[in-house]
Amino acid sequence: MGHLEVIRPDVRHRFRLGDYLTFDQLQLDSGFTALRRHGLATGDRLEHVEMYYRLAAPKPAVVRVSPMAAVAVEERLRAAALHFHSDAELDKEKIVRNTVFHVEPTIRASVRFKPDYRRHAIAVMLRNVDRFESVQLEFEPSGIDEPALEDLVRLVLGESNAFLHRAPLAYVNSRRA
């Protein structure tokens, strides 16, 4: 993350939310990694490793919708972890004609690796990595190697989706299904 934060590469993903919001021409803005351990008395085990980062768009977005659609749009913006504020757009008779959402040009994303020691598997949760949603994959422990992590960086940058093909979606064709 340190190298990526310095060079701030362009990210080739296009993030769409319904037919009213699209972010493209993104750039990696900042990021960090964190880990959590547990079980100090029984042996130190890794609980999870998580990579957080932000993608920046060149300008804020403005979404203008009818008052009837405002609640659904607000829910979708919150689910995508986008920061925004909204205003009512009034006509000359002071009747609300539109709700206008001003959306910050920042996408918050994360990748979480969580080992399951009993099942000998690693769950990988991708949030807002290549789309506005979460995807959970399940890897064999040997599947998280250097080439897989290189594929993950290429996925984050929008260069390749090979990382998504390295493991089945959790609960789909997995040992839990």
C-alpha atoms as a PDB file:
ATOM      1  CA  MET A   1       0.000   0.000   0.000  1.00  0.00           C
ATOM      2  CA  GLY A   2       2.888   2.349   0.702  1.00  0.00           C
ATOM      3  CA  HIS A   3       4.197   2.093  -2.863  1.00  0.00           C
ATOM      4  CA  LEU A   4       0.749   2.495  -4.370  1.00  0.00           C
ATOM      5  CA  GLU A   5       0.044   5.515  -2.198  1.00  0.00           C
ATOM      6  CA  VAL A   6       3.225   7.220  -3.443  1.00  0.00           C
ATOM      7  CA  ILE A   7       2.699   6.571  -7.160  1.00  0.00           C
ATOM      8  CA  ARG A   8      -1.115   7.014  -6.993  1.00  0.00           C
ATOM      9  CA  PRO A   9      -1.827   4.894 -10.080  1.00  0.00           C
ATOM     10  CA  ASP A  10      -4.908   5.240 -12.227  1.00  0.00           C
ATOM     11  CA  VAL A  11      -7.575   2.626 -11.586  1.00  0.00           C
ATOM     12  CA  ARG A  12      -9.408   1.299 -14.631  1.00  0.00           C
ATOM     13  CA  HIS A  13     -12.633   0.260 -12.914  1.00  0.00           C
ATOM     14  CA  ARG A  14     -15.934   1.948 -13.649  1.00  0.00           C
ATOM     15  CA  PHE A  15     -18.229   1.984 -10.626  1.00  0.00           C
ATOM     16  CA  ARG A  16     -21.931   2.296 -11.421  1.00  0.00           C
ATOM     17  CA  LEU A  17     -24.805   2.738  -9.036  1.00  0.00           C
ATOM     18  CA  GLY A  18     -28.074   2.203 -10.839  1.00  0.00           C
ATOM     19  CA  ASP A  19     -28.478   4.381 -13.893  1.00  0.00           C
ATOM     20  CA  TYR A  20     -27.858   7.622 -12.007  1.00  0.00           C
ATOM     21  CA  LEU A  21     -24.227   7.536 -10.792  1.00  0.00           C
ATOM     22  CA  THR A  22     -20.963   6.492 -12.410  1.00  0.00           C
ATOM     23  CA  PHE A  23     -17.415   6.991 -11.180  1.00  0.00           C
ATOM     24  CA  ASP A  24     -14.560   6.424 -13.595  1.00  0.00           C
ATOM     25  CA  GLN A  25     -11.121   7.978 -14.173  1.00  0.00           C
ATOM     26  CA  LEU A  26     -10.289   6.926 -10.628  1.00  0.00           C
ATOM     27  CA  GLN A  27      -6.947   7.159  -8.900  1.00  0.00           C
ATOM     28  CA  LEU A  28      -5.677   5.312  -5.845  1.00  0.00           C
ATOM     29  CA  ASP A  29      -5.681   7.976  -3.135  1.00  0.00           C
ATOM     30  CA  SER A  30      -4.525   6.407   0.131  1.00  0.00           C
ATOM     31  CA  GLY A  31      -4.521   3.143   2.002  1.00  0.00           C
ATOM     32  CA  PHE A  32      -3.155   1.023   4.820  1.00  0.00           C
ATOM     33  CA  THR A  33      -3.168  -2.523   6.098  1.00  0.00           C
ATOM     34  CA  ALA A  34      -4.049  -3.779   9.550  1.00  0.00           C
ATOM     35  CA  LEU A  35      -4.118  -7.111  11.295  1.00  0.00           C
ATOM     36  CA  ARG A  36      -5.712  -8.511  14.401  1.00  0.00           C
ATOM     37  CA  ARG A  37      -4.454 -11.344  16.568  1.00  0.00           C
ATOM     38  CA  HIS A  38      -6.264 -13.256  19.281  1.00  0.00           C
ATOM     39  CA  GLY A  39      -5.720 -16.096  21.720  1.00  0.00           C
ATOM     40  CA  LEU A  40      -2.690 -14.839  23.584  1.00  0.00           C
ATOM     41  CA  ALA A  41      -3.148 -17.437  26.339  1.00  0.00           C
ATOM     42  CA  THR A  42      -3.670 -20.353  23.946  1.00  0.00           C
ATOM     43  CA  GLY A  43      -1.176 -19.393  21.294  1.00  0.00           C
ATOM     44  CA  ASP A  44      -1.116 -16.303  19.156  1.00  0.00           C
ATOM     45  CA  ARG A  45      -3.303 -16.712  16.067  1.00  0.00           C
ATOM     46  CA  LEU A  46      -4.087 -14.334  13.298  1.00  0.00           C
ATOM     47  CA  GLU A  47      -7.754 -13.346  13.354  1.00  0.00           C
ATOM     48  CA  HIS A  48      -7.704 -11.330  10.127  1.00  0.00           C
ATOM     49  CA  VAL A  49      -5.631  -9.115   7.859  1.00  0.00           C
ATOM     50  CA  GLU A  50      -7.371  -6.220   6.158  1.00  0.00           C
ATOM     51  CA  MET A  51      -6.324  -3.764   3.497  1.00  0.00           C
ATOM     52  CA  TYR A  52      -8.242  -0.479   3.392  1.00  0.00           C
ATOM     53  CA  TYR A  53      -7.903   2.047   0.600  1.00  0.00           C
ATOM     54  CA  ARG A  54      -9.642   4.968  -1.036  1.00  0.00           C
ATOM     55  CA  LEU A  55     -10.155   5.687  -4.700  1.00  0.00           C
ATOM     56  CA  ALA A  56     -10.571   9.300  -5.769  1.00  0.00           C
ATOM     57  CA  ALA A  57     -12.611  10.526  -8.721  1.00  0.00           C
ATOM     58  CA  PRO A  58     -11.740  13.833 -10.405  1.00  0.00           C
ATOM     59  CA  LYS A  59     -14.876  15.659  -9.232  1.00  0.00           C
ATOM     60  CA  PRO A  60     -17.876  15.238  -6.947  1.00  0.00           C
ATOM     61  CA  ALA A  61     -21.037  13.773  -8.405  1.00  0.00           C
ATOM     62  CA  VAL A  62     -24.460  15.357  -8.377  1.00  0.00           C
ATOM     63  CA  VAL A  63     -27.502  13.091  -8.538  1.00  0.00           C
ATOM     64  CA  ARG A  64     -30.890  14.698  -9.087  1.00  0.00           C
ATOM     65  CA  VAL A  65     -33.947  12.476  -8.570  1.00  0.00           C
ATOM     66  CA  SER A  66     -37.644  12.872  -7.934  1.00  0.00           C
ATOM     67  CA  PRO A  67     -38.681  13.042  -4.269  1.00  0.00           C
ATOM     68  CA  MET A  68     -40.362   9.630  -4.669  1.00  0.00           C
ATOM     69  CA  ALA A  69     -37.030   8.016  -5.652  1.00  0.00           C
ATOM     70  CA  ALA A  70     -34.956   9.812  -3.002  1.00  0.00           C
ATOM     71  CA  VAL A  71     -35.286   7.179  -0.265  1.00  0.00           C
ATOM     72  CA  ALA A  72     -34.151   4.355  -2.554  1.00  0.00           C
ATOM     73  CA  VAL A  73     -31.219   6.390  -3.873  1.00  0.00           C
ATOM     74  CA  GLU A  74     -30.171   7.318  -0.331  1.00  0.00           C
ATOM     75  CA  GLU A  75     -30.235   3.643   0.710  1.00  0.00           C
ATOM     76  CA  ARG A  76     -28.084   2.659  -2.274  1.00  0.00           C
ATOM     77  CA  LEU A  77     -25.568   5.437  -1.576  1.00  0.00           C
ATOM     78  CA  ARG A  78     -25.304   4.358   2.080  1.00  0.00           C
ATOM     79  CA  ALA A  79     -24.942   0.679   1.111  1.00  0.00           C
ATOM     80  CA  ALA A  80     -22.069   1.651  -1.204  1.00  0.00           C
ATOM     81  CA  ALA A  81     -20.380   3.483   1.736  1.00  0.00           C
ATOM     82  CA  LEU A  82     -20.424   6.771  -0.154  1.00  0.00           C
ATOM     83  CA  HIS A  83     -20.462  10.041   1.758  1.00  0.00           C
ATOM     84  CA  PHE A  84     -23.033  12.548   0.574  1.00  0.00           C
ATOM     85  CA  HIS A  85     -25.479  15.227   1.579  1.00  0.00           C
ATOM     86  CA  SER A  86     -28.803  16.066   0.016  1.00  0.00           C
ATOM     87  CA  ASP A  87     -30.908  19.149  -0.586  1.00  0.00           C
ATOM     88  CA  ALA A  88     -34.479  19.679  -1.686  1.00  0.00           C
ATOM     89  CA  GLU A  89     -34.827  21.545  -4.959  1.00  0.00           C
ATOM     90  CA  LEU A  90     -37.869  23.821  -4.802  1.00  0.00           C
ATOM     91  CA  ASP A  91     -39.721  25.516  -7.622  1.00  0.00           C
ATOM     92  CA  LYS A  92     -41.011  29.092  -7.468  1.00  0.00           C
ATOM     93  CA  GLU A  93     -44.173  27.904  -5.604  1.00  0.00           C
ATOM     94  CA  LYS A  94     -41.921  26.314  -2.935  1.00  0.00           C
ATOM     95  CA  ILE A  95     -42.909  22.771  -3.998  1.00  0.00           C
ATOM     96  CA  VAL A  96     -40.175  20.121  -3.841  1.00  0.00           C
ATOM     97  CA  ARG A  97     -39.436  19.104  -7.432  1.00  0.00           C
ATOM     98  CA  ASN A  98     -36.218  17.124  -6.939  1.00  0.00           C
ATOM     99  CA  THR A  99     -33.893  15.822  -4.308  1.00  0.00           C
ATOM    100  CA  VAL A 100     -30.285  16.616  -5.134  1.00  0.00           C
ATOM    101  CA  PHE A 101     -27.531  14.394  -3.730  1.00  0.00           C
ATOM    102  CA  HIS A 102     -24.001  15.802  -3.636  1.00  0.00           C
ATOM    103  CA  VAL A 103     -21.711  12.755  -3.524  1.00  0.00           C
ATOM    104  CA  GLU A 104     -18.072  13.007  -2.412  1.00  0.00           C
ATOM    105  CA  PRO A 105     -15.683  11.788  -5.132  1.00  0.00           C
ATOM    106  CA  THR A 106     -14.216   9.068  -2.917  1.00  0.00           C
ATOM    107  CA  ILE A 107     -14.844   5.321  -2.896  1.00  0.00           C
ATOM    108  CA  ARG A 108     -13.849   3.441   0.254  1.00  0.00           C
ATOM    109  CA  ALA A 109     -12.770  -0.133  -0.405  1.00  0.00           C
ATOM    110  CA  SER A 110     -11.292  -3.021   1.532  1.00  0.00           C
ATOM    111  CA  VAL A 111      -9.980  -6.559   1.210  1.00  0.00           C
ATOM    112  CA  ARG A 112     -10.192  -8.797   4.279  1.00  0.00           C
ATOM    113  CA  PHE A 113      -8.423 -12.148   4.732  1.00  0.00           C
ATOM    114  CA  LYS A 114      -9.941 -14.219   7.542  1.00  0.00           C
ATOM    115  CA  PRO A 115      -8.528 -17.689   8.237  1.00  0.00           C
ATOM    116  CA  ASP A 116     -10.778 -20.502   9.399  1.00  0.00           C
ATOM    117  CA  TYR A 117      -8.355 -22.768  11.250  1.00  0.00           C
ATOM    118  CA  ARG A 118     -10.819 -25.613  11.775  1.00  0.00           C
ATOM    119  CA  ARG A 119     -11.814 -25.865   8.107  1.00  0.00           C
ATOM    120  CA  HIS A 120      -8.344 -25.019   6.733  1.00  0.00           C
ATOM    121  CA  ALA A 121      -9.712 -22.240   4.542  1.00  0.00           C
ATOM    122  CA  ILE A 122      -9.254 -18.512   4.111  1.00  0.00           C
ATOM    123  CA  ALA A 123     -12.275 -16.314   3.455  1.00  0.00           C
ATOM    124  CA  VAL A 124     -11.503 -13.224   1.391  1.00  0.00           C
ATOM    125  CA  MET A 125     -14.092 -10.432   1.491  1.00  0.00           C
ATOM    126  CA  LEU A 126     -13.805  -7.775  -1.213  1.00  0.00           C
ATOM    127  CA  ARG A 127     -15.808  -4.583  -0.546  1.00  0.00           C
ATOM    128  CA  ASN A 128     -16.115  -1.973  -3.299  1.00  0.00           C
ATOM    129  CA  VAL A 129     -13.013  -3.362  -5.016  1.00  0.00           C
ATOM    130  CA  ASP A 130     -14.284  -3.626  -8.592  1.00  0.00           C
ATOM    131  CA  ARG A 131     -17.968  -2.744  -8.085  1.00  0.00           C
ATOM    132  CA  PHE A 132     -20.268  -1.219  -5.483  1.00  0.00           C
ATOM    133  CA  GLU A 133     -20.866  -4.416  -3.523  1.00  0.00           C
ATOM    134  CA  SER A 134     -19.182  -7.141  -1.513  1.00  0.00           C
ATOM    135  CA  VAL A 135     -17.844 -10.388  -2.891  1.00  0.00           C
ATOM    136  CA  GLN A 136     -16.659 -13.246  -0.697  1.00  0.00           C
ATOM    137  CA  LEU A 137     -14.229 -15.860  -1.977  1.00  0.00           C
ATOM    138  CA  GLU A 138     -12.892 -18.949  -0.240  1.00  0.00           C
ATOM    139  CA  PHE A 139      -9.285 -20.060  -0.704  1.00  0.00           C
ATOM    140  CA  GLU A 140      -7.261 -23.060   0.295  1.00  0.00           C
ATOM    141  CA  PRO A 141      -4.374 -21.791   2.476  1.00  0.00           C
ATOM    142  CA  SER A 142      -1.870 -22.649  -0.258  1.00  0.00           C
ATOM    143  CA  GLY A 143      -3.911 -20.525  -2.691  1.00  0.00           C
ATOM    144  CA  ILE A 144      -2.810 -17.271  -1.056  1.00  0.00           C
ATOM    145  CA  ASP A 145       0.682 -17.074  -2.495  1.00  0.00           C
ATOM    146  CA  GLU A 146       2.727 -14.321  -4.135  1.00  0.00           C
ATOM    147  CA  PRO A 147       1.159 -14.721  -7.616  1.00  0.00           C
ATOM    148  CA  ALA A 148      -2.321 -14.550  -6.031  1.00  0.00           C
ATOM    149  CA  LEU A 149      -1.424 -11.337  -4.201  1.00  0.00           C
ATOM    150  CA  GLU A 150      -0.049  -9.887  -7.458  1.00  0.00           C
ATOM    151  CA  ASP A 151      -3.390 -10.768  -9.087  1.00  0.00           C
ATOM    152  CA  LEU A 152      -5.139  -8.995  -6.195  1.00  0.00           C
ATOM    153  CA  VAL A 153      -3.165  -5.796  -6.864  1.00  0.00           C
ATOM    154  CA  ARG A 154      -4.043  -6.058 -10.572  1.00  0.00           C
ATOM    155  CA  LEU A 155      -7.719  -6.461  -9.587  1.00  0.00           C
ATOM    156  CA  VAL A 156      -7.565  -3.385  -7.340  1.00  0.00           C
ATOM    157  CA  LEU A 157      -6.037  -1.392 -10.226  1.00  0.00           C
ATOM    158  CA  GLY A 158      -8.571  -2.702 -12.751  1.00  0.00           C
ATOM    159  CA  GLU A 159      -5.947  -4.411 -14.898  1.00  0.00           C
ATOM    160  CA  SER A 160      -7.196  -7.999 -14.557  1.00  0.00           C
ATOM    161  CA  ASN A 161      -9.860  -9.999 -12.758  1.00  0.00           C
ATOM    162  CA  ALA A 162      -7.750 -13.186 -12.507  1.00  0.00           C
ATOM    163  CA  PHE A 163      -7.885 -13.011  -8.694  1.00  0.00           C
ATOM    164  CA  LEU A 164     -11.650 -13.591  -8.832  1.00  0.00           C
ATOM    165  CA  HIS A 165     -11.063 -16.834 -10.757  1.00  0.00           C
ATOM    166  CA  ARG A 166      -8.527 -18.258  -8.301  1.00  0.00           C
ATOM    167  CA  ALA A 167     -11.167 -19.420  -5.791  1.00  0.00           C
ATOM    168  CA  PRO A 168     -14.889 -20.132  -5.808  1.00  0.00           C
ATOM    169  CA  LEU A 169     -17.343 -17.674  -4.400  1.00  0.00           C
ATOM    170  CA  ALA A 170     -18.079 -18.568  -0.801  1.00  0.00           C
ATOM    171  CA  TYR A 171     -21.208 -20.704  -0.510  1.00  0.00           C
ATOM    172  CA  VAL A 172     -21.135 -21.401  -4.272  1.00  0.00           C
ATOM    173  CA  ASN A 173     -19.248 -24.567  -5.234  1.00  0.00           C
ATOM    174  CA  SER A 174     -17.398 -24.417  -1.929  1.00  0.00           C
ATOM    175  CA  ARG A 175     -16.999 -26.831   0.927  1.00  0.00           C
ATOM    176  CA  ARG A 176     -19.789 -25.053   2.825  1.00  0.00           C
ATOM    177  CA  ALA A 177     -22.376 -25.519   0.062  1.00  0.00           C
END
